[in-house]
Protein backbone atom coordinates (compact mmCIF):
# COMPACT_ATOMS: atom_id res chain seq x y z
CA MET A 1 -38.37 -170.15 -76.97
CA ILE A 2 -34.97 -171.45 -75.98
CA SER A 3 -34.29 -169.76 -72.65
CA LYS A 4 -36.43 -171.89 -70.36
CA LYS A 5 -35.46 -175.47 -69.67
CA ILE A 6 -37.09 -178.13 -67.49
CA ASN A 7 -35.49 -181.43 -66.62
CA ILE A 8 -36.63 -185.04 -66.94
CA SER A 9 -35.01 -188.38 -66.34
CA PRO A 10 -34.55 -190.57 -69.42
CA LYS A 11 -36.98 -193.46 -69.79
CA PRO A 12 -36.62 -196.40 -72.16
CA ILE A 13 -39.23 -196.39 -74.91
CA MET A 14 -40.16 -199.28 -77.15
CA CYS A 15 -39.69 -198.92 -80.90
CA LEU A 16 -42.90 -198.07 -82.70
CA ALA A 17 -44.29 -199.78 -85.75
CA VAL A 18 -44.44 -197.53 -88.77
CA CYS A 19 -47.62 -199.23 -89.98
CA LEU A 20 -49.56 -197.49 -87.16
CA PHE A 21 -48.71 -194.16 -88.75
CA CYS A 22 -51.21 -194.31 -91.65
CA LEU A 23 -52.49 -190.80 -92.25
CA ASN A 24 -55.91 -189.63 -93.25
CA THR A 25 -54.69 -186.91 -95.60
CA LYS A 26 -57.41 -187.12 -98.24
CA ALA A 27 -60.25 -186.45 -95.83
CA GLN A 28 -58.75 -183.22 -94.55
CA SER A 29 -58.62 -181.69 -98.05
CA VAL A 30 -62.23 -182.45 -98.99
CA LYS A 31 -63.69 -179.25 -97.60
CA VAL A 32 -62.22 -175.76 -97.90
CA MET A 33 -63.47 -173.26 -95.34
CA GLN A 34 -65.51 -170.31 -96.57
CA SER A 35 -62.96 -167.75 -95.40
CA GLY A 36 -59.99 -169.73 -96.73
CA PRO A 37 -58.19 -172.82 -95.44
CA LYS A 38 -57.03 -173.06 -91.85
CA ILE A 39 -53.57 -174.60 -92.06
CA VAL A 40 -51.78 -176.32 -89.16
CA ASN A 41 -48.11 -177.25 -89.31
CA ILE A 42 -46.84 -179.48 -86.51
CA VAL A 43 -43.15 -178.58 -86.34
CA ASN A 44 -40.73 -180.23 -83.91
CA PHE A 45 -37.12 -179.19 -84.18
CA ILE A 46 -34.28 -181.19 -82.80
CA ARG A 47 -31.01 -180.38 -81.06
CA LEU A 48 -28.44 -183.05 -80.22
CA LEU A 49 -27.32 -181.53 -76.94
CA GLU A 50 -28.20 -178.92 -74.32
CA PRO A 51 -25.06 -177.40 -72.76
CA ARG A 52 -27.00 -175.14 -70.37
CA ASP A 53 -28.19 -177.97 -68.14
CA ALA A 54 -26.17 -181.12 -67.42
CA LYS A 55 -29.36 -183.03 -66.52
CA ILE A 56 -30.67 -182.62 -70.05
CA THR A 57 -28.60 -185.35 -71.64
CA GLN A 58 -28.51 -186.42 -75.26
CA ASP A 59 -30.67 -189.38 -74.33
CA VAL A 60 -33.27 -187.12 -72.69
CA LEU A 61 -33.42 -185.06 -75.88
CA TYR A 62 -33.72 -188.14 -78.07
CA GLN A 63 -36.45 -189.72 -75.97
CA THR A 64 -38.39 -186.45 -76.19
CA VAL A 65 -38.52 -186.80 -79.97
CA VAL A 66 -39.47 -190.47 -79.66
CA LYS A 67 -42.46 -189.46 -77.54
CA GLN A 68 -43.46 -186.73 -80.00
CA VAL A 69 -43.40 -189.30 -82.81
CA GLU A 70 -45.41 -191.76 -80.72
CA ILE A 71 -48.20 -189.25 -79.99
CA MET A 72 -48.36 -188.09 -83.61
CA LYS A 73 -48.60 -191.71 -84.74
CA LYS A 74 -51.39 -192.36 -82.27
CA TYR A 75 -53.54 -189.64 -83.85
CA HIS A 76 -52.35 -190.21 -87.43
CA LEU A 77 -50.88 -186.72 -87.65
CA GLY A 78 -48.25 -185.71 -90.14
CA GLY A 79 -45.73 -182.95 -89.56
CA THR A 80 -42.25 -181.58 -89.98
CA PHE A 81 -39.12 -182.55 -88.04
CA LEU A 82 -36.21 -180.15 -88.42
CA LEU A 83 -32.69 -181.28 -87.59
CA GLN A 84 -29.85 -179.17 -86.30
CA TYR A 85 -26.63 -180.36 -87.96
CA ASP A 86 -25.25 -182.29 -84.98
CA ALA A 87 -28.58 -184.12 -84.63
CA LEU A 88 -28.59 -184.75 -88.39
CA MET A 89 -25.29 -186.60 -88.06
CA ASP A 90 -26.51 -188.75 -85.15
CA LYS A 91 -27.43 -192.32 -86.18
CA ARG A 92 -30.35 -192.55 -83.78
CA TYR A 93 -32.18 -189.61 -85.30
CA GLN A 94 -31.34 -190.80 -88.81
CA THR A 95 -32.89 -194.19 -88.11
CA LEU A 96 -35.93 -192.84 -86.24
CA LEU A 97 -36.90 -190.27 -88.88
CA ALA A 98 -35.95 -192.24 -91.99
CA GLY A 99 -38.42 -194.92 -90.92
CA LEU A 100 -41.41 -192.54 -90.98
CA PRO A 101 -43.74 -192.37 -94.01
CA LYS A 102 -42.58 -189.99 -96.74
CA GLY A 103 -45.15 -187.45 -97.84
CA THR A 104 -46.79 -187.23 -94.45
CA ILE A 105 -43.66 -186.65 -92.39
CA GLU A 106 -41.13 -184.11 -93.65
CA ILE A 107 -37.49 -184.00 -92.58
CA GLY A 108 -35.87 -180.60 -92.94
CA ALA A 109 -33.18 -178.34 -91.51
CA TRP A 110 -33.15 -176.38 -88.27
CA TRP A 111 -30.74 -173.56 -88.99
CA GLU A 112 -28.74 -173.13 -85.81
CA ILE A 113 -25.01 -173.51 -86.28
CA PRO A 114 -23.17 -176.00 -83.99
CA GLN A 115 -19.45 -176.73 -83.78
CA PRO A 116 -19.29 -179.79 -86.10
CA LEU A 117 -20.91 -177.84 -88.95
CA VAL A 118 -18.48 -174.94 -88.66
CA GLU A 119 -15.45 -177.22 -88.44
CA ASN A 120 -16.60 -179.41 -91.34
CA ALA A 121 -16.85 -176.21 -93.36
CA GLY A 122 -13.15 -175.59 -92.66
CA MET A 123 -13.53 -172.84 -90.07
CA LYS A 124 -12.54 -172.37 -86.44
CA TRP A 125 -15.27 -172.69 -83.84
CA ARG A 126 -15.67 -169.54 -81.70
CA GLY A 127 -18.31 -170.80 -79.29
CA ARG A 128 -18.18 -171.52 -75.59
CA TYR A 129 -19.89 -174.92 -76.07
CA PRO A 130 -20.40 -177.31 -79.03
CA TRP A 131 -23.67 -175.45 -79.54
CA ASP A 132 -23.67 -171.79 -78.49
CA TRP A 133 -27.00 -169.96 -78.80
CA ARG A 134 -25.57 -166.44 -79.11
CA ALA A 135 -26.59 -164.59 -82.28
CA ASN A 136 -23.00 -164.14 -83.51
CA ILE A 137 -22.11 -167.81 -82.95
CA GLY A 138 -25.15 -170.07 -83.29
CA PHE A 139 -26.94 -168.32 -86.16
CA SER A 140 -26.07 -167.57 -89.76
CA THR A 141 -25.94 -163.84 -88.98
CA GLY A 142 -22.64 -164.43 -87.17
CA TYR A 143 -20.79 -165.42 -90.35
CA THR A 144 -19.68 -163.62 -93.49
CA PRO A 145 -21.58 -164.31 -96.73
CA VAL A 146 -18.72 -166.51 -97.98
CA GLU A 147 -18.71 -168.47 -94.72
CA ARG A 148 -22.49 -168.86 -94.91
CA GLU A 149 -22.19 -170.49 -98.33
CA LYS A 150 -19.62 -172.99 -97.01
CA ILE A 151 -21.81 -173.86 -94.04
CA ILE A 152 -24.88 -174.29 -96.24
CA ASP A 153 -23.02 -176.50 -98.71
CA VAL A 154 -21.78 -178.82 -95.96
CA TYR A 155 -25.22 -179.19 -94.37
CA PHE A 156 -27.07 -179.81 -97.64
CA THR A 157 -24.43 -182.21 -98.95
CA ASP A 158 -24.47 -184.29 -95.78
CA PHE A 159 -28.27 -184.22 -95.57
CA LYS A 160 -28.48 -185.65 -99.10
CA LYS A 161 -25.93 -188.35 -98.30
CA ILE A 162 -28.11 -189.48 -95.40
CA PHE A 163 -31.65 -189.12 -96.78
CA GLY A 164 -31.07 -189.14 -100.56
CA TYR A 165 -32.49 -185.66 -101.26
CA TYR A 166 -32.00 -182.03 -100.24
CA PRO A 167 -34.22 -180.55 -97.50
CA LYS A 168 -37.14 -178.48 -98.79
CA THR A 169 -37.79 -176.62 -95.53
CA VAL A 170 -35.20 -174.66 -93.54
CA ALA A 171 -36.27 -172.76 -90.43
CA SER A 172 -34.77 -170.95 -87.47
CA TRP A 173 -35.52 -168.14 -85.05
CA PHE A 174 -34.04 -165.99 -87.80
CA ILE A 175 -32.14 -166.60 -91.03
CA ASP A 176 -30.53 -163.82 -93.01
CA ALA A 177 -31.74 -163.07 -96.56
CA TYR A 178 -28.36 -163.87 -98.12
CA SER A 179 -28.49 -167.43 -96.78
CA LEU A 180 -32.15 -167.90 -97.74
CA ASN A 181 -31.55 -166.73 -101.29
CA TYR A 182 -28.48 -168.98 -101.64
CA MET A 183 -30.48 -172.00 -100.38
CA TYR A 184 -33.26 -171.19 -102.83
CA GLU A 185 -31.09 -170.64 -105.89
CA LYS A 186 -28.72 -173.58 -105.36
CA TYR A 187 -30.85 -176.13 -103.48
CA HIS A 188 -34.41 -175.02 -104.35
CA ILE A 189 -35.91 -174.86 -100.87
CA VAL A 190 -39.66 -174.13 -100.93
CA ALA A 191 -40.44 -173.01 -97.36
CA SER A 192 -38.87 -171.34 -94.36
CA ALA A 193 -39.99 -170.08 -90.96
CA ASN A 194 -38.85 -167.60 -88.36
CA CYS A 195 -39.82 -166.68 -84.82
CA LYS A 196 -43.05 -164.93 -83.90
CA ASP A 197 -42.82 -161.21 -83.22
CA GLN A 198 -41.12 -160.63 -79.89
CA TYR A 199 -39.22 -157.88 -78.13
CA GLY A 200 -36.02 -158.84 -76.32
CA THR A 201 -37.05 -162.45 -75.55
CA ASP A 202 -33.89 -164.56 -75.22
CA GLY A 203 -32.00 -161.50 -76.46
CA TYR A 204 -33.66 -161.58 -79.89
CA THR A 205 -35.98 -158.88 -81.22
CA LEU A 206 -38.19 -159.30 -84.28
CA TRP A 207 -40.63 -156.43 -84.17
CA GLY A 208 -43.20 -154.93 -86.51
CA GLY A 209 -43.23 -157.65 -89.18
CA TYR A 210 -45.93 -159.60 -90.99
CA TRP A 211 -47.72 -160.76 -87.87
CA ASN A 212 -48.88 -164.28 -88.77
CA GLN A 213 -49.43 -166.62 -91.75
CA ALA A 214 -46.56 -166.18 -94.26
CA TYR A 215 -44.81 -163.62 -96.46
CA TYR A 216 -42.21 -163.35 -99.20
CA PRO A 217 -39.12 -161.56 -97.82
CA SER A 218 -37.13 -158.76 -99.40
CA LYS A 219 -33.87 -159.87 -101.02
CA ILE A 220 -31.99 -157.52 -98.68
CA ASN A 221 -33.95 -158.11 -95.48
CA SER A 222 -35.41 -161.49 -94.54
CA TYR A 223 -37.71 -159.96 -91.93
CA MET A 224 -39.19 -157.32 -94.27
CA PRO A 225 -41.98 -158.33 -96.68
CA ALA A 226 -41.24 -157.37 -100.28
CA GLN A 227 -43.72 -155.31 -102.29
CA HIS A 228 -42.73 -156.52 -105.76
CA ALA A 229 -42.05 -160.00 -107.14
CA ASP A 230 -38.68 -159.03 -108.61
CA LYS A 231 -37.50 -157.76 -105.20
CA GLN A 232 -38.52 -160.82 -103.20
CA ILE A 233 -37.01 -164.19 -102.39
CA PRO A 234 -39.69 -166.58 -103.69
CA VAL A 235 -39.65 -168.67 -100.51
CA PRO A 236 -42.56 -168.09 -98.10
CA ILE A 237 -41.53 -167.50 -94.50
CA PHE A 238 -44.10 -168.82 -92.02
CA ARG A 239 -44.28 -167.42 -88.48
CA LEU A 240 -43.48 -169.90 -85.70
CA LEU A 241 -44.89 -170.37 -82.20
CA SER A 242 -48.45 -169.03 -82.71
CA SER A 243 -48.90 -165.97 -80.52
CA ASP A 244 -51.98 -165.24 -78.44
CA PRO A 245 -53.61 -162.65 -80.76
CA VAL A 246 -55.09 -160.74 -77.83
CA ARG A 247 -52.52 -160.80 -75.00
CA GLN A 248 -49.06 -161.57 -76.39
CA TYR A 249 -48.55 -158.06 -77.75
CA ASP A 250 -48.97 -156.27 -74.41
CA THR A 251 -47.36 -158.79 -72.08
CA GLY A 252 -44.36 -157.33 -70.30
CA LEU A 253 -45.14 -153.67 -70.99
CA GLY A 254 -42.48 -151.41 -69.53
CA SER A 255 -39.80 -154.11 -69.41
CA THR A 256 -36.89 -154.80 -71.72
CA ARG A 257 -38.03 -158.34 -72.51
CA GLN A 258 -41.49 -159.32 -73.63
CA GLY A 259 -43.29 -162.24 -72.04
CA VAL A 260 -44.50 -165.32 -73.93
CA ILE A 261 -48.10 -166.45 -74.43
CA THR A 262 -48.09 -168.92 -77.31
CA LEU A 263 -49.31 -172.33 -78.45
CA GLU A 264 -46.04 -173.90 -77.24
CA PRO A 265 -47.15 -176.81 -75.01
CA VAL A 266 -44.66 -176.00 -72.25
CA TYR A 267 -46.44 -172.84 -71.11
CA LYS A 268 -48.92 -173.11 -68.23
CA PHE A 269 -50.93 -170.20 -69.59
CA GLY A 270 -50.89 -170.84 -73.31
CA GLY A 271 -50.29 -174.14 -75.05
CA GLY A 272 -50.29 -176.16 -71.83
CA ASP A 273 -53.66 -174.90 -70.59
CA SER A 274 -56.85 -176.61 -71.81
CA THR A 275 -59.02 -173.48 -71.51
CA TRP A 276 -56.58 -171.39 -73.51
CA VAL A 277 -55.93 -174.09 -76.13
CA ASN A 278 -59.62 -174.71 -76.76
CA TRP A 279 -60.28 -170.96 -76.98
CA PHE A 280 -57.35 -170.45 -79.37
CA PHE A 281 -58.40 -173.19 -81.78
CA LYS A 282 -62.05 -172.08 -81.70
CA SER A 283 -60.94 -168.57 -82.67
CA PHE A 284 -58.57 -170.00 -85.25
CA THR A 285 -61.19 -172.17 -86.96
CA ASP A 286 -64.45 -170.26 -86.46
CA GLU A 287 -63.50 -166.60 -86.85
CA LYS A 288 -63.31 -164.78 -90.19
CA SER A 289 -59.92 -164.73 -91.90
CA LEU A 290 -58.72 -163.36 -95.21
CA GLY A 291 -56.99 -165.64 -97.70
CA PHE A 292 -56.06 -168.32 -95.20
CA ASN A 293 -55.23 -168.68 -91.54
CA TYR A 294 -52.17 -170.45 -90.18
CA THR A 295 -50.86 -171.80 -86.93
CA GLN A 296 -47.81 -173.83 -85.92
CA ALA A 297 -47.94 -176.47 -83.18
CA GLY A 298 -45.08 -178.58 -81.83
CA GLN A 299 -42.04 -177.92 -79.64
CA GLU A 300 -38.24 -177.96 -79.60
CA ASN A 301 -36.83 -181.01 -77.83
CA SER A 302 -34.67 -178.86 -75.52
CA PHE A 303 -37.69 -178.26 -73.30
CA THR A 304 -37.84 -182.06 -72.68
CA TRP A 305 -40.85 -184.37 -72.64
CA ASP A 306 -41.85 -183.92 -69.00
CA ALA A 307 -42.32 -180.18 -69.57
CA MET A 308 -44.29 -180.45 -72.80
CA LYS A 309 -46.16 -183.73 -72.17
CA LYS A 310 -49.39 -182.23 -70.81
CA GLY A 311 -49.73 -179.63 -73.55
CA PHE A 312 -48.63 -181.94 -76.37
CA GLU A 313 -51.07 -184.66 -75.35
CA LEU A 314 -53.79 -182.02 -75.04
CA GLN A 315 -53.21 -180.44 -78.46
CA MET A 316 -52.62 -183.44 -80.71
CA PRO A 317 -56.06 -185.11 -80.30
CA LEU A 318 -57.75 -181.72 -80.66
CA ILE A 319 -55.90 -181.03 -83.92
CA ALA A 320 -56.80 -184.52 -85.16
CA LYS A 321 -60.46 -183.92 -84.28
CA LEU A 322 -60.51 -180.60 -86.14
CA ARG A 323 -58.87 -182.30 -89.12
CA ASP A 324 -61.48 -185.05 -89.14
CA GLU A 325 -64.22 -182.41 -88.98
CA HIS A 326 -62.62 -180.73 -92.02
CA LYS A 327 -62.03 -177.53 -90.06
CA VAL A 328 -58.24 -177.56 -90.50
CA ARG A 329 -55.65 -178.90 -92.93
CA VAL A 330 -52.71 -180.59 -91.22
CA GLU A 331 -49.71 -180.33 -93.54
CA THR A 332 -45.96 -180.48 -93.64
CA MET A 333 -44.29 -177.12 -94.01
CA GLU A 334 -43.11 -178.14 -97.47
CA GLN A 335 -46.73 -178.82 -98.51
CA SER A 336 -47.84 -175.46 -97.12
CA GLY A 337 -44.98 -173.68 -98.89
CA THR A 338 -45.85 -175.35 -102.20
CA TRP A 339 -49.52 -174.38 -101.78
CA PHE A 340 -48.59 -170.81 -100.90
CA LYS A 341 -46.36 -170.40 -103.97
CA LYS A 342 -49.07 -171.85 -106.22
CA ASN A 343 -51.69 -169.42 -104.91
CA TYR A 344 -49.71 -166.21 -104.30
CA LYS A 345 -47.21 -164.51 -106.59
CA VAL A 346 -46.62 -161.78 -104.00
CA THR A 347 -47.39 -161.61 -100.28
CA PRO A 348 -51.19 -161.70 -99.79
CA ALA A 349 -53.48 -159.73 -97.52
CA THR A 350 -54.50 -161.87 -94.52
CA SER A 351 -56.22 -161.38 -91.19
CA PHE A 352 -56.72 -162.99 -87.78
CA THR A 353 -59.78 -161.81 -85.82
CA VAL A 354 -61.18 -162.55 -82.36
CA THR A 355 -64.78 -161.64 -81.46
CA LYS A 356 -64.97 -163.69 -78.25
CA ASP A 357 -62.12 -163.85 -75.78
CA ILE A 358 -61.54 -166.29 -72.93
CA GLU A 359 -64.39 -166.35 -70.42
CA GLY A 360 -64.37 -163.26 -68.21
CA SER A 361 -62.76 -160.95 -70.77
CA ASP A 362 -64.45 -158.54 -73.18
CA LEU A 363 -61.35 -157.98 -75.34
CA LYS A 364 -61.64 -158.31 -79.10
CA THR A 365 -59.03 -157.82 -81.78
CA ALA A 366 -58.27 -157.75 -85.48
CA TRP A 367 -54.86 -158.28 -87.08
CA PHE A 368 -54.48 -157.37 -90.74
CA ASN A 369 -51.36 -157.87 -92.86
CA SER A 370 -50.47 -157.11 -96.46
CA ARG A 371 -47.24 -156.69 -98.38
CA PHE A 372 -47.41 -152.96 -97.50
CA TYR A 373 -48.28 -152.81 -93.80
CA ARG A 374 -49.70 -154.45 -90.70
CA ILE A 375 -52.30 -153.07 -88.33
CA ASN A 376 -53.80 -154.28 -85.04
CA ILE A 377 -56.99 -152.97 -83.46
CA LEU A 378 -58.02 -153.80 -79.91
CA TRP A 379 -61.46 -153.28 -78.37
CA GLU A 380 -61.37 -153.02 -74.59
CA HIS A 381 -64.10 -151.86 -72.19
CA HIS A 382 -66.26 -150.49 -75.03
CA THR A 383 -63.41 -148.41 -76.51
CA LEU A 384 -61.22 -148.82 -79.59
CA ARG A 385 -57.43 -148.54 -79.71
CA ILE A 386 -55.28 -148.95 -82.79
CA ARG A 387 -52.30 -150.33 -80.92
CA ASP A 388 -50.01 -151.07 -83.86
CA ILE A 389 -49.28 -149.87 -87.40
CA HIS A 390 -45.99 -150.76 -89.09
CA LEU A 391 -45.13 -150.05 -92.72
CA PHE A 392 -43.10 -152.33 -94.97
CA ASP A 393 -40.40 -151.22 -97.42
CA GLU A 394 -38.40 -153.76 -99.42
CA ALA A 395 -35.57 -151.20 -99.77
CA PHE A 396 -35.07 -151.09 -95.97
CA PRO A 397 -31.83 -153.07 -95.58
CA SER A 398 -30.78 -155.43 -92.83
CA ILE A 399 -27.27 -154.94 -91.51
CA TYR A 400 -26.85 -158.73 -91.42
CA GLU A 401 -26.91 -159.24 -95.18
CA THR A 402 -23.40 -158.06 -95.99
CA GLN A 403 -21.48 -158.43 -92.73
CA ALA A 404 -21.22 -160.75 -89.77
CA ALA A 405 -22.96 -159.80 -86.55
CA THR A 406 -20.66 -159.10 -83.62
CA SER A 407 -23.29 -158.72 -80.91
CA ASN A 408 -24.70 -161.68 -78.97
CA GLU A 409 -28.19 -160.32 -79.69
CA CYS A 410 -30.00 -159.79 -82.98
CA ILE A 411 -32.56 -157.12 -83.92
CA PHE A 412 -34.99 -156.93 -86.83
CA TYR A 413 -37.42 -154.03 -87.30
CA THR A 414 -39.87 -152.59 -89.81
CA LEU A 415 -41.08 -148.96 -90.01
CA PRO A 416 -43.23 -147.79 -87.05
CA ILE A 417 -46.25 -145.49 -87.25
CA VAL A 418 -48.00 -146.69 -84.08
CA ASP A 419 -46.18 -148.89 -81.56
CA GLY A 420 -48.34 -149.77 -78.61
CA TYR A 421 -45.62 -151.84 -76.98
CA ILE A 422 -42.34 -149.93 -77.29
CA TRP A 423 -44.03 -146.55 -76.78
CA SER A 424 -45.94 -147.69 -73.67
CA ARG A 425 -45.30 -148.04 -69.96
CA ARG A 426 -47.43 -149.96 -67.48
CA ASN A 427 -49.47 -146.92 -66.52
CA GLN A 428 -49.29 -145.15 -69.90
CA ILE A 429 -50.55 -147.33 -72.74
CA ALA A 430 -49.74 -145.98 -76.18
CA GLY A 431 -52.16 -146.12 -79.07
CA LEU A 432 -54.28 -144.29 -81.60
CA ARG A 433 -57.68 -143.74 -79.94
CA ILE A 434 -60.92 -142.40 -81.33
CA LYS A 435 -62.20 -139.39 -79.41
CA ALA A 436 -64.75 -136.60 -79.79
CA MET A 437 -65.08 -133.05 -78.56
CA ILE A 438 -68.28 -132.95 -76.49
CA ASP A 439 -69.18 -129.92 -74.36
CA GLY A 440 -65.63 -128.64 -74.75
CA LYS A 441 -64.01 -131.85 -73.47
CA ASP A 442 -62.01 -134.68 -75.03
CA VAL A 443 -64.21 -137.75 -74.64
CA SER A 444 -63.47 -141.35 -75.65
CA VAL A 445 -65.93 -142.59 -78.23
CA GLU A 446 -67.55 -145.82 -77.03
CA GLY A 447 -69.42 -148.61 -78.76
CA GLY A 448 -70.57 -152.21 -78.74
CA ASP A 449 -69.21 -155.38 -80.30
CA PRO A 450 -67.45 -155.08 -83.67
CA LYS A 451 -68.48 -157.21 -86.63
CA PHE A 452 -65.88 -158.48 -89.12
CA THR A 453 -66.69 -159.31 -92.74
CA ASN A 454 -64.63 -160.08 -95.83
CA THR A 455 -66.43 -157.96 -98.41
CA THR A 456 -64.07 -158.57 -101.33
CA ALA A 457 -60.83 -160.45 -101.90
CA GLY A 458 -58.06 -158.89 -99.82
CA THR A 459 -60.40 -156.62 -97.84
CA LEU A 460 -61.34 -156.79 -94.16
CA HIS A 461 -64.38 -154.71 -93.19
CA VAL A 462 -65.07 -153.78 -89.57
CA SER A 463 -68.40 -152.35 -88.46
CA TRP A 464 -68.37 -150.96 -84.92
CA PRO A 465 -71.78 -149.87 -83.57
CA LEU A 466 -71.43 -146.74 -81.41
CA THR A 467 -73.11 -145.85 -78.13
CA THR A 468 -71.69 -142.33 -77.76
CA VAL A 469 -73.94 -141.40 -80.69
CA ASP A 470 -76.47 -143.36 -82.71
CA GLY A 471 -74.33 -144.62 -85.56
CA SER A 472 -71.29 -146.75 -86.43
CA LEU A 473 -67.64 -146.51 -87.31
CA GLU A 474 -66.98 -148.39 -90.55
CA MET A 475 -63.38 -149.41 -91.15
CA GLU A 476 -62.00 -151.06 -94.25
CA MET A 477 -58.50 -152.46 -94.56
CA THR A 478 -57.35 -153.15 -98.11
CA GLU A 479 -53.95 -154.16 -99.42
CA GLY A 480 -52.67 -150.59 -99.49
CA LYS A 481 -55.21 -148.38 -97.71
CA LEU A 482 -57.01 -147.89 -94.40
CA LYS A 483 -60.44 -146.27 -94.73
CA MET A 484 -62.62 -145.07 -91.85
CA ASN A 485 -66.10 -143.52 -92.02
CA LEU A 486 -68.35 -142.45 -89.17
CA LEU A 487 -71.99 -142.99 -90.13
CA SER A 488 -74.46 -141.10 -88.00
CA LYS A 489 -77.34 -138.65 -88.36
CA ALA A 490 -76.01 -136.87 -85.30
CA LYS A 491 -73.20 -134.37 -85.72
CA LEU A 492 -70.01 -135.40 -83.96
CA ASP A 493 -66.61 -133.67 -83.88
CA TRP A 494 -64.47 -136.84 -83.89
CA TYR A 495 -60.79 -137.58 -84.46
CA PHE A 496 -57.99 -140.00 -83.59
CA ASP A 497 -55.29 -138.99 -81.09
CA LEU A 498 -51.98 -140.80 -80.68
CA ASN A 499 -50.83 -140.87 -77.06
CA ILE A 500 -47.59 -142.39 -75.82
CA ALA A 501 -45.72 -142.79 -72.53
CA THR A 502 -43.83 -139.62 -71.66
CA THR A 503 -40.55 -141.56 -71.55
CA ALA A 504 -41.01 -142.81 -75.15
CA ALA A 505 -40.80 -139.42 -76.88
CA ALA A 506 -37.21 -140.01 -77.97
CA LYS A 507 -38.25 -143.20 -79.78
CA LEU A 508 -40.76 -141.50 -82.08
CA PRO A 509 -39.95 -141.46 -85.80
CA PHE A 510 -41.95 -138.31 -86.59
CA GLN A 511 -39.84 -135.56 -88.13
CA ASN A 512 -42.51 -133.20 -89.49
CA ILE A 513 -46.27 -133.29 -89.10
CA ASN A 514 -47.95 -131.73 -92.12
CA ALA A 515 -51.63 -131.57 -92.98
CA THR A 516 -51.46 -134.24 -95.69
CA ASN A 517 -48.52 -136.34 -94.54
CA VAL A 518 -46.27 -137.18 -91.62
CA GLU A 519 -42.56 -137.30 -92.46
CA CYS A 520 -40.76 -140.05 -90.53
CA LYS A 521 -37.26 -141.37 -90.04
CA PHE A 522 -36.25 -144.65 -88.41
CA GLU A 523 -32.91 -146.48 -88.51
CA ASN A 524 -31.61 -143.94 -91.07
CA THR A 525 -34.54 -144.61 -93.41
CA SER A 526 -36.97 -141.84 -94.38
CA TYR A 527 -40.62 -142.67 -95.05
CA GLN A 528 -44.05 -141.09 -94.80
CA LEU A 529 -47.63 -141.65 -93.69
CA LYS A 530 -49.93 -140.09 -96.27
CA ALA A 531 -53.54 -138.97 -95.83
CA VAL A 532 -55.64 -139.18 -99.00
CA LYS A 533 -58.60 -137.92 -97.00
CA GLY A 534 -58.35 -136.26 -93.60
CA ALA A 535 -55.67 -134.08 -92.00
CA PHE A 536 -52.83 -134.45 -89.50
CA SER A 537 -51.98 -131.95 -86.78
CA LYS A 538 -50.13 -131.62 -83.46
CA PRO A 539 -52.75 -131.00 -80.74
CA ASP A 540 -52.10 -129.16 -77.49
CA ASN A 541 -53.66 -131.77 -75.20
CA GLY A 542 -50.53 -133.91 -74.76
CA ALA A 543 -51.13 -136.20 -77.75
CA VAL A 544 -48.24 -136.40 -80.20
CA LEU A 545 -50.43 -136.65 -83.29
CA ARG A 546 -54.05 -135.98 -84.27
CA LEU A 547 -55.86 -137.27 -87.35
CA ARG A 548 -59.09 -135.48 -88.25
CA PRO A 549 -61.65 -136.65 -90.82
CA GLN A 550 -62.75 -134.85 -93.94
CA ALA A 551 -66.53 -135.05 -94.42
CA ASN A 552 -66.64 -137.77 -91.75
CA SER A 553 -64.08 -139.86 -93.63
CA ILE A 554 -60.39 -140.76 -93.24
CA VAL A 555 -58.32 -142.54 -95.90
CA LEU A 556 -54.65 -143.37 -95.28
CA ASP A 557 -52.36 -144.51 -98.08
CA LEU A 558 -50.13 -147.13 -96.47
CA ALA A 559 -48.52 -148.28 -99.73
CA ASP A 560 -46.92 -144.94 -100.71
CA VAL A 561 -44.27 -144.93 -97.99
CA VAL A 562 -41.29 -143.51 -99.89
CA LYS A 563 -40.87 -139.83 -99.05
């Protein structure tokens, strides 16, 4: 993200011949993976200046992009370069990017708002510096809807004057739905992107959303997936930065700001570490995934080349190798957005699974998303924990759609049912755990390694062999339902208990726990969790919620959220 900066000294770099940048795009589309395509976007976004560190000069930032281009040329990799407005108006960036091959390199918009853009739109700049990263200054959320239109018109008009066309991709850490819809209706953008899920990092919280891949946002909330085509902005939003699917969620438990473990090449554990990078891409390419799998490589130039060099030079040849082996498709974000719109009329069901973690760890995980909900399951030390369930409701409004933000931080949420991060502390890890009553005691049900299969379109099936009894827990995640069956000849009194940290009780959304549904309220929105099969209760063992099976089966309706 944008908080961490590392310095370099500028170095002169020779101009590079465009003819070396021939791309092998046909080969990568020959073979489509059995579980859907694995799509890689290489996205580098560009700022003109960095006011937080005097050593990071405009030349340092420019030379960083030159080096990114050079490495991508070396391995014949296409990608997307996104320009903040002040960089868009700089002749050096115009010349550098305009000389790259069209169709394999995309030039788009990075939607942070610097001083020249505001002033060219006829408004007074309120920032401390020519680019101010605070949410109410440097992002579209800090402006009224009318002001947003003026800002958009100036950017798109000037972009077309320079490059001869309007940008098709516009991305940022977050963009409000009003701006996205205006860009779509007037300028026909086809793709967007926002930040990975994070809690408090750099003062920005996006929490509980569609975890990876891409989704169509609600017309009144750009972070919330829509459930119906007429309620959505028909522009897919891809998730940036590529989180560690195992560790990112829990990093920083008990603190106000989550840590970062991502594919970003600047991080020593993450995108800058060869062991982690090779593990991540093996999981990405070899594991089962529904519909398609997606990851975003690349880096913002504010981190500078010295900081990202090791990771960037590690990742680019690996991505090229996977492309040549037909294991991934390397595309521009515009190409991915066009493909997504051709294949999906509404947000699809997708998954990201890990059956083998980094050497020395036995952790395994499954992420499942649909237009109705997301769920994450973690296997650790032979036990199972559902560490996250969030529901989606297109009618859940964002406060940023109709008014300008006044805070220097921005917050986006969905509707929590299980929150293993916010409801946890370091020594009290929240989650929905499977237990059994054996000899009058609550006992954790244990098992072996889960197996993931895609039985039908839009369905992820998990089979978890048990060791507590001879049998298995069969779980099936469909677009709107979660089904769980315990198959065993032995009789077992099993159930799921939701435990949280004692200090998190005030954060719970549960209003009433009934046998067939749990009535919830969050951010002034009422919703429900409904059991089609099974029953809810409030146990007396310290858990806040218990879910018992009916005839060894549990079925939750996660699409019928309106109370």
